[in-house]
Protein backbone atom coordinates (compact mmCIF):
# COMPACT_ATOMS: atom_id res chain seq x y z
CA MET A 1 81.85 88.60 87.07
CA ASN A 2 85.17 88.15 88.25
CA GLU A 3 85.88 85.48 90.94
CA TYR A 4 88.53 87.57 92.85
CA LEU A 5 88.35 91.04 94.12
CA MET A 6 91.24 93.26 94.86
CA ILE A 7 91.32 93.99 98.52
CA ALA A 8 94.65 95.47 99.37
CA THR A 9 98.06 96.45 98.14
CA VAL A 10 101.26 95.66 100.12
CA LEU A 11 103.13 98.90 100.53
CA LYS A 12 106.29 97.68 102.11
CA PRO A 13 107.85 95.48 104.79
CA GLN A 14 107.37 96.98 108.36
CA GLY A 15 110.02 96.04 110.83
CA VAL A 16 112.44 92.95 111.03
CA HIS A 17 109.81 90.16 111.62
CA GLY A 18 108.40 89.59 108.23
CA GLU A 19 105.42 91.83 108.47
CA CYS A 20 104.10 93.83 105.73
CA LYS A 21 102.11 97.14 105.78
CA LEU A 22 98.96 96.82 103.41
CA ARG A 23 96.60 99.46 102.15
CA SER A 24 93.16 98.22 102.45
CA TYR A 25 90.35 98.69 99.72
CA ALA A 26 87.80 97.06 101.79
CA ALA A 27 84.76 98.72 103.03
CA ASP A 28 85.00 96.93 106.37
CA ILE A 29 88.85 96.76 107.12
CA ASP A 30 88.11 94.71 110.30
CA LEU A 31 87.29 91.67 107.63
CA PHE A 32 91.20 91.21 107.40
CA TYR A 33 90.92 89.51 110.99
CA LYS A 34 88.61 86.92 109.38
CA TRP A 35 90.62 85.78 106.32
CA SER A 36 93.50 83.45 106.69
CA THR A 37 94.08 82.87 102.88
CA LEU A 38 94.19 85.86 100.41
CA TYR A 39 95.30 85.60 96.80
CA VAL A 40 98.14 87.22 94.28
CA LYS A 41 97.64 87.24 90.37
CA ASN A 42 100.43 86.29 88.22
CA GLU A 43 100.64 85.26 84.59
CA ASN A 44 98.95 81.76 85.21
CA GLY A 45 95.99 83.19 87.48
CA PHE A 46 95.83 83.35 90.95
CA TYR A 47 97.55 81.66 93.60
CA PRO A 48 96.80 81.64 97.54
CA VAL A 49 98.77 83.16 100.24
CA SER A 50 98.46 82.89 103.63
CA VAL A 51 97.66 85.89 105.73
CA HIS A 52 97.93 86.58 109.49
CA VAL A 53 96.88 89.94 110.65
CA SER A 54 98.92 91.34 113.64
CA ARG A 55 96.97 94.69 113.76
CA ILE A 56 95.05 97.48 112.15
CA LYS A 57 96.09 101.02 112.79
CA ASP A 58 95.48 104.37 111.18
CA GLY A 59 93.65 102.64 108.17
CA PHE A 60 96.54 100.36 107.40
CA VAL A 61 96.72 96.50 108.03
CA TYR A 62 99.95 94.94 109.30
CA ALA A 63 99.95 91.21 108.42
CA VAL A 64 102.67 88.32 107.92
CA LEU A 65 102.07 86.77 104.33
CA ASN A 66 103.23 83.27 103.85
CA HIS A 67 104.77 82.67 107.22
CA SER A 68 107.54 85.48 106.18
CA ASP A 69 109.79 85.61 109.17
CA ASP A 70 112.07 88.45 108.25
CA ALA A 71 112.25 91.77 106.27
CA ASP A 72 113.89 90.16 103.18
CA SER A 73 111.13 87.44 103.01
CA ALA A 74 108.41 90.19 103.15
CA GLU A 75 110.28 92.46 100.71
CA LYS A 76 109.22 90.16 97.72
CA TYR A 77 105.61 91.33 98.37
CA ARG A 78 106.32 94.97 97.93
CA GLY A 79 103.80 96.40 95.47
CA ILE A 80 101.65 93.29 95.07
CA ASP A 81 98.03 93.48 94.96
CA LEU A 82 95.92 91.08 97.28
CA TYR A 83 92.90 89.58 96.26
CA VAL A 84 89.93 87.94 97.96
CA ASP A 85 87.79 85.28 96.40
CA ARG A 86 84.03 86.58 95.84
CA ALA A 87 82.86 83.74 98.14
CA HIS A 88 84.82 85.28 101.25
CA ALA A 89 84.22 88.83 100.33
CA LYS A 90 81.53 90.93 102.27
CA ALA A 91 78.18 90.10 100.80
CA VAL A 92 76.44 93.11 99.13
CA GLU A 93 73.24 94.38 100.57
CA GLY A 94 70.32 96.28 99.13
CA ASN A 95 71.46 98.73 96.49
CA GLU A 96 74.98 97.99 97.09
CA VAL A 97 77.33 97.04 94.20
CA LEU A 98 81.05 96.32 94.16
CA ILE A 99 83.51 98.46 92.31
CA GLU A 100 84.95 95.43 90.42
CA ASP A 101 81.47 94.87 89.09
CA LEU A 102 80.89 98.27 87.95
CA ILE A 103 83.92 98.75 85.92
CA GLY A 104 83.40 98.46 82.16
CA CYS A 105 79.61 99.23 82.76
CA GLU A 106 78.15 101.18 79.78
CA ALA A 107 76.24 104.43 80.50
CA TYR A 108 73.21 105.44 78.48
CA ASP A 109 70.52 108.21 78.90
CA ARG A 110 66.86 107.54 78.66
CA ASP A 111 66.98 108.07 74.70
CA GLY A 112 69.53 105.25 74.61
CA LYS A 113 72.54 107.65 73.62
CA THR A 114 75.54 106.32 74.85
CA ILE A 115 77.44 108.41 77.41
CA GLY A 116 80.57 106.42 77.95
CA LYS A 117 82.14 103.26 79.61
CA LEU A 118 83.08 103.20 83.32
CA SER A 119 86.79 102.85 83.53
CA SER A 120 87.47 103.69 87.33
CA VAL A 121 86.05 104.76 90.60
CA LEU A 122 87.86 107.30 92.53
CA GLN A 123 87.51 107.34 96.46
CA TYR A 124 88.64 110.54 98.04
CA GLY A 125 85.77 111.91 99.80
CA THR A 126 82.25 111.10 101.19
CA VAL A 127 80.97 110.44 97.51
CA ASP A 128 82.81 108.31 95.09
CA THR A 129 83.41 109.81 91.76
CA TRP A 130 82.86 107.61 88.60
CA VAL A 131 85.10 108.04 85.65
CA PHE A 132 84.08 107.46 81.91
CA ASN A 133 85.88 107.02 78.85
CA THR A 134 83.70 108.95 76.38
CA GLU A 135 84.11 110.02 72.59
CA ASN A 136 85.09 113.27 73.67
CA GLY A 137 87.50 112.18 76.43
CA THR A 138 87.25 111.64 80.01
CA LEU A 139 84.11 112.60 82.03
CA MET A 140 83.90 112.64 86.06
CA VAL A 141 80.89 112.24 87.71
CA PRO A 142 79.85 112.11 91.45
CA ALA A 143 78.02 108.88 92.15
CA LEU A 144 74.74 110.20 93.14
CA ILE A 145 71.37 108.33 92.54
CA SER A 146 70.13 111.67 91.15
CA VAL A 147 72.64 111.19 88.30
CA PHE A 148 72.22 107.42 88.13
CA PRO A 149 68.93 106.08 88.80
CA GLU A 150 69.49 102.86 87.84
CA VAL A 151 72.66 100.56 87.79
CA ASP A 152 72.52 96.80 86.52
CA ALA A 153 76.06 95.48 87.29
CA GLU A 154 75.21 91.84 85.80
CA LYS A 155 73.99 93.36 82.44
CA LYS A 156 76.69 96.06 82.43
CA ILE A 157 74.41 98.95 81.99
CA ILE A 158 74.21 102.38 83.91
CA LEU A 159 71.20 104.56 83.23
CA VAL A 160 71.98 108.25 83.29
CA ASN A 161 69.80 111.37 83.92
CA ARG A 162 71.51 113.58 81.47
CA GLU A 163 70.17 116.75 82.66
CA ARG A 164 71.46 116.14 86.10
CA LEU A 165 74.91 114.72 84.67
CA GLU A 166 75.47 118.07 82.83
CA GLU A 167 74.88 119.95 86.19
CA VAL A 168 77.62 118.03 88.09
CA SER A 169 80.11 116.26 85.59
CA VAL A 170 83.57 117.55 84.87
CA ARG A 171 85.18 116.68 81.54
CA SER A 172 88.79 116.63 81.02
């Protein structure tokens, strides 16, 4: 499992005082107020970036990164993904699983036949859509317990109810 989890993307500098507008991927956006350090990935790994959140508004986080004090110093973060280390991420509870841990899981039916590998998770509505790469192209499926009765992120295995899968999936 990855030590760092992508938590936001810097959209653009905001104003003239070094603030950046961030798109949050956190389930609990208020956690940004608790984090004083996030991480940026480069070819050598991850390096820390200080973060000071000034406000959260309309689902966006407004923050100063590495003590930027003007728009020019904030500009260098445009388009950069920000990560939180797993130790400071929100703990998962019950049947919850982090998206980062789901990516790459192999899906199988009860007969052991391979469905495909989970490549991404789309979050556009009340139910996430899991996207699988299969032998026959892309398969998109709502993340429903009736379709996926068992998920073992540590073993990277997803059990699929094939009958239900055929009812709700879309191939492209």
